[in-house]
């Protein structure tokens, strides 16, 4: 079972960020994020309706987040460790 989906984008890497900061997004934004994160190709309107139905179902049933991440692998690694430790306690 999927407990959460995080959408991580290079455009949301912030040099000034020290921590990973997930922000909950609404169902419409979540459905759009699901659809735009997948490579979809539909040859018919029915295929696109199926993709939209699947994305809407995911968005309605799974908590979905956009995450701001620190820029740079060292800062990202340190932030991931802190996030994991803080989430487990």
N, C-alpha and C. Protein backbone atom coordinates (compact mmCIF):
# COMPACT_ATOMS: atom_id res chain seq x y z
N UNK A 1 0.84 -1.18 0.00
CA UNK A 1 0.00 0.00 0.00
C UNK A 1 0.88 1.24 0.00
N UNK A 2 0.55 2.19 -0.82
CA UNK A 2 1.27 3.46 -0.88
C UNK A 2 0.71 4.37 0.19
N UNK A 3 1.60 4.86 1.06
CA UNK A 3 1.15 5.74 2.16
C UNK A 3 1.18 7.21 1.78
N UNK A 4 2.15 7.61 0.97
CA UNK A 4 2.28 8.99 0.52
C UNK A 4 3.00 9.00 -0.82
N UNK A 5 2.74 10.04 -1.60
CA UNK A 5 3.51 10.29 -2.81
C UNK A 5 4.09 11.69 -2.70
N UNK A 6 5.39 11.78 -2.91
CA UNK A 6 6.06 13.09 -2.94
C UNK A 6 6.51 13.35 -4.36
N UNK A 7 6.24 14.56 -4.84
CA UNK A 7 6.73 14.99 -6.14
C UNK A 7 7.92 15.89 -5.89
N UNK A 8 9.04 15.50 -6.44
CA UNK A 8 10.30 16.21 -6.24
C UNK A 8 10.76 16.70 -7.60
N UNK A 9 11.03 17.98 -7.69
CA UNK A 9 11.39 18.60 -8.96
C UNK A 9 12.66 19.40 -8.77
N UNK A 10 13.55 19.33 -9.73
CA UNK A 10 14.78 20.12 -9.67
C UNK A 10 14.52 21.60 -9.49
N UNK A 11 13.38 22.08 -9.96
CA UNK A 11 13.04 23.50 -9.81
C UNK A 11 12.71 23.84 -8.37
N UNK A 12 12.45 22.83 -7.54
CA UNK A 12 12.15 23.09 -6.13
C UNK A 12 13.36 22.78 -5.25
N UNK A 13 14.55 22.86 -5.80
CA UNK A 13 15.76 22.73 -4.98
C UNK A 13 16.19 24.14 -4.63
N UNK A 14 16.34 24.39 -3.36
CA UNK A 14 16.63 25.74 -2.90
C UNK A 14 17.98 25.78 -2.20
N UNK A 15 18.89 26.59 -2.70
CA UNK A 15 20.21 26.68 -2.06
C UNK A 15 20.13 27.07 -0.59
N UNK A 16 19.13 27.87 -0.22
CA UNK A 16 19.02 28.33 1.17
C UNK A 16 18.32 27.31 2.07
N UNK A 17 17.68 26.31 1.49
CA UNK A 17 16.95 25.32 2.30
C UNK A 17 17.93 24.39 3.00
N UNK A 18 17.71 24.17 4.27
CA UNK A 18 18.54 23.24 5.04
C UNK A 18 17.84 21.92 5.26
N UNK A 19 16.52 21.91 5.13
CA UNK A 19 15.74 20.71 5.43
C UNK A 19 14.80 20.37 4.28
N UNK A 20 14.34 19.14 4.29
CA UNK A 20 13.31 18.70 3.36
C UNK A 20 11.98 19.18 3.91
N UNK A 21 11.22 19.87 3.06
CA UNK A 21 9.95 20.43 3.51
C UNK A 21 8.82 20.00 2.57
N UNK A 22 8.12 18.94 2.93
CA UNK A 22 6.97 18.55 2.10
C UNK A 22 5.78 19.46 2.37
N UNK A 23 5.03 19.74 1.31
CA UNK A 23 3.83 20.57 1.43
C UNK A 23 2.68 19.82 0.76
N UNK A 24 1.64 19.58 1.50
CA UNK A 24 0.47 18.84 0.99
C UNK A 24 -0.15 19.62 -0.15
N UNK A 25 -0.53 18.92 -1.20
CA UNK A 25 -1.21 19.56 -2.32
C UNK A 25 -2.62 18.98 -2.45
N UNK A 26 -3.48 19.74 -3.05
CA UNK A 26 -4.88 19.33 -3.21
C UNK A 26 -5.05 18.29 -4.31
N UNK A 27 -6.26 17.75 -4.39
CA UNK A 27 -6.53 16.67 -5.33
C UNK A 27 -6.32 17.05 -6.79
N UNK A 28 -6.72 18.25 -7.18
CA UNK A 28 -6.56 18.65 -8.57
C UNK A 28 -5.08 18.75 -8.93
N UNK A 29 -4.30 19.43 -8.07
CA UNK A 29 -2.86 19.54 -8.33
C UNK A 29 -2.20 18.17 -8.27
N UNK A 30 -2.67 17.30 -7.38
CA UNK A 30 -2.11 15.96 -7.29
C UNK A 30 -2.40 15.16 -8.56
N UNK A 31 -3.62 15.23 -9.06
CA UNK A 31 -3.96 14.52 -10.30
C UNK A 31 -3.11 15.02 -11.47
N UNK A 32 -2.94 16.35 -11.54
CA UNK A 32 -2.08 16.91 -12.59
C UNK A 32 -0.64 16.46 -12.44
N UNK A 33 -0.15 16.42 -11.21
CA UNK A 33 1.23 15.98 -10.97
C UNK A 33 1.41 14.51 -11.36
N UNK A 34 0.42 13.68 -11.04
CA UNK A 34 0.50 12.27 -11.44
C UNK A 34 0.57 12.16 -12.95
N UNK A 35 -0.31 12.86 -13.63
CA UNK A 35 -0.34 12.76 -15.10
C UNK A 35 0.91 13.32 -15.75
N UNK A 36 1.42 14.43 -15.24
CA UNK A 36 2.60 15.03 -15.88
C UNK A 36 3.90 14.34 -15.48
N UNK A 37 3.87 13.52 -14.43
CA UNK A 37 5.07 12.81 -14.02
C UNK A 37 5.25 11.49 -14.76
N UNK A 38 4.23 11.05 -15.43
CA UNK A 38 4.28 9.80 -16.17
C UNK A 38 4.39 10.09 -17.66
N UNK A 39 5.02 9.20 -18.38
CA UNK A 39 5.01 9.32 -19.83
C UNK A 39 3.74 8.67 -20.31
N UNK A 40 2.84 9.47 -20.79
CA UNK A 40 1.56 8.94 -21.23
C UNK A 40 1.40 9.15 -22.73
N UNK A 41 0.85 8.16 -23.35
CA UNK A 41 0.53 8.28 -24.76
C UNK A 41 -0.82 7.62 -24.99
N UNK A 42 -1.74 8.38 -25.46
CA UNK A 42 -3.07 7.84 -25.70
C UNK A 42 -3.45 8.06 -27.15
N UNK A 43 -3.96 7.02 -27.76
CA UNK A 43 -4.34 7.13 -29.16
C UNK A 43 -5.82 7.43 -29.33
N UNK A 44 -6.52 7.53 -28.19
CA UNK A 44 -7.96 7.78 -28.28
C UNK A 44 -8.42 8.57 -27.07
N UNK A 45 -9.54 9.23 -27.21
CA UNK A 45 -10.09 9.94 -26.05
C UNK A 45 -10.36 8.99 -24.87
N UNK A 46 -10.76 7.75 -25.16
CA UNK A 46 -11.01 6.79 -24.09
C UNK A 46 -9.74 6.49 -23.29
N UNK A 47 -8.60 6.39 -23.98
CA UNK A 47 -7.33 6.15 -23.29
C UNK A 47 -6.99 7.31 -22.36
N UNK A 48 -7.19 8.55 -22.84
CA UNK A 48 -6.91 9.72 -22.00
C UNK A 48 -7.88 9.80 -20.83
N UNK A 49 -9.13 9.42 -21.05
CA UNK A 49 -10.10 9.39 -19.94
C UNK A 49 -9.67 8.36 -18.89
N UNK A 50 -9.13 7.24 -19.36
CA UNK A 50 -8.62 6.23 -18.43
C UNK A 50 -7.46 6.75 -17.61
N UNK A 51 -6.51 7.46 -18.25
CA UNK A 51 -5.39 8.06 -17.53
C UNK A 51 -5.89 9.07 -16.50
N UNK A 52 -6.85 9.89 -16.92
CA UNK A 52 -7.39 10.90 -16.01
C UNK A 52 -8.12 10.25 -14.84
N UNK A 53 -8.85 9.20 -15.10
CA UNK A 53 -9.54 8.48 -14.03
C UNK A 53 -8.55 7.88 -13.04
N UNK A 54 -7.49 7.28 -13.54
CA UNK A 54 -6.46 6.70 -12.67
C UNK A 54 -5.78 7.79 -11.83
N UNK A 55 -5.40 8.90 -12.48
CA UNK A 55 -4.75 9.99 -11.75
C UNK A 55 -5.68 10.56 -10.69
N UNK A 56 -6.96 10.70 -11.01
CA UNK A 56 -7.93 11.21 -10.04
C UNK A 56 -8.11 10.26 -8.88
N UNK A 57 -8.09 8.97 -9.15
CA UNK A 57 -8.22 7.98 -8.09
C UNK A 57 -7.03 8.02 -7.14
N UNK A 58 -5.84 8.12 -7.69
CA UNK A 58 -4.64 8.23 -6.85
C UNK A 58 -4.71 9.50 -6.02
N UNK A 59 -5.04 10.61 -6.65
CA UNK A 59 -5.08 11.89 -5.95
C UNK A 59 -6.12 11.91 -4.84
N UNK A 60 -7.19 11.16 -5.01
CA UNK A 60 -8.26 11.15 -4.02
C UNK A 60 -7.98 10.21 -2.85
N UNK A 61 -7.07 9.27 -3.03
CA UNK A 61 -6.89 8.25 -2.00
C UNK A 61 -5.51 8.23 -1.34
N UNK A 62 -4.54 8.91 -1.92
CA UNK A 62 -3.18 8.89 -1.38
C UNK A 62 -2.75 10.32 -1.04
N UNK A 63 -2.31 10.58 0.19
CA UNK A 63 -1.79 11.91 0.51
C UNK A 63 -0.61 12.25 -0.43
N UNK A 64 -0.68 13.43 -1.01
CA UNK A 64 0.26 13.82 -2.05
C UNK A 64 0.92 15.14 -1.68
N UNK A 65 2.23 15.21 -1.91
CA UNK A 65 3.03 16.36 -1.49
C UNK A 65 3.97 16.82 -2.59
N UNK A 66 4.25 18.11 -2.61
CA UNK A 66 5.41 18.66 -3.32
C UNK A 66 6.47 18.86 -2.25
N UNK A 67 7.71 18.58 -2.57
CA UNK A 67 8.76 18.71 -1.56
C UNK A 67 9.84 19.68 -2.01
N UNK A 68 10.14 20.62 -1.14
CA UNK A 68 11.26 21.52 -1.33
C UNK A 68 12.49 20.82 -0.76
N UNK A 69 13.55 20.79 -1.53
CA UNK A 69 14.77 20.08 -1.14
C UNK A 69 15.96 21.02 -1.15
N UNK A 70 16.94 20.75 -0.28
CA UNK A 70 18.18 21.52 -0.36
C UNK A 70 18.90 21.24 -1.68
N UNK A 71 19.61 22.21 -2.17
CA UNK A 71 20.42 22.03 -3.37
C UNK A 71 21.77 21.45 -2.97
N UNK A 72 22.28 20.58 -3.81
CA UNK A 72 23.60 19.99 -3.56
C UNK A 72 23.48 18.65 -2.85
N UNK A 73 24.23 17.67 -3.33
CA UNK A 73 24.10 16.32 -2.81
C UNK A 73 24.46 16.22 -1.33
N UNK A 74 25.48 16.92 -0.87
CA UNK A 74 25.86 16.85 0.54
C UNK A 74 24.76 17.39 1.44
N UNK A 75 24.18 18.52 1.07
CA UNK A 75 23.11 19.12 1.87
C UNK A 75 21.85 18.26 1.80
N UNK A 76 21.58 17.69 0.63
CA UNK A 76 20.41 16.84 0.48
C UNK A 76 20.56 15.57 1.31
N UNK A 77 21.73 14.97 1.29
CA UNK A 77 21.98 13.76 2.07
C UNK A 77 21.81 14.03 3.57
N UNK A 78 22.38 15.12 4.04
CA UNK A 78 22.26 15.47 5.47
C UNK A 78 20.80 15.73 5.83
N UNK A 79 20.07 16.42 4.95
CA UNK A 79 18.65 16.70 5.21
C UNK A 79 17.83 15.41 5.22
N UNK A 80 18.14 14.48 4.33
CA UNK A 80 17.43 13.20 4.29
C UNK A 80 17.65 12.41 5.57
N UNK A 81 18.87 12.42 6.07
CA UNK A 81 19.16 11.73 7.34
C UNK A 81 18.37 12.36 8.48
N UNK A 82 18.38 13.70 8.56
CA UNK A 82 17.62 14.38 9.62
C UNK A 82 16.13 14.08 9.50
N UNK A 83 15.61 14.11 8.29
CA UNK A 83 14.19 13.86 8.09
C UNK A 83 13.82 12.44 8.53
N UNK A 84 14.64 11.49 8.16
CA UNK A 84 14.39 10.09 8.51
C UNK A 84 14.43 9.89 10.02
N UNK A 85 15.43 10.47 10.67
CA UNK A 85 15.56 10.34 12.13
C UNK A 85 14.38 11.00 12.82
N UNK A 86 14.01 12.21 12.39
CA UNK A 86 12.89 12.92 13.02
C UNK A 86 11.55 12.24 12.75
N UNK A 87 11.39 11.62 11.59
CA UNK A 87 10.13 10.94 11.26
C UNK A 87 9.96 9.65 12.03
N UNK A 88 11.09 9.02 12.38
CA UNK A 88 11.02 7.74 13.07
C UNK A 88 10.80 7.91 14.57
N UNK A 89 11.04 9.11 15.08
CA UNK A 89 10.90 9.30 16.54
C UNK A 89 9.54 9.82 16.92
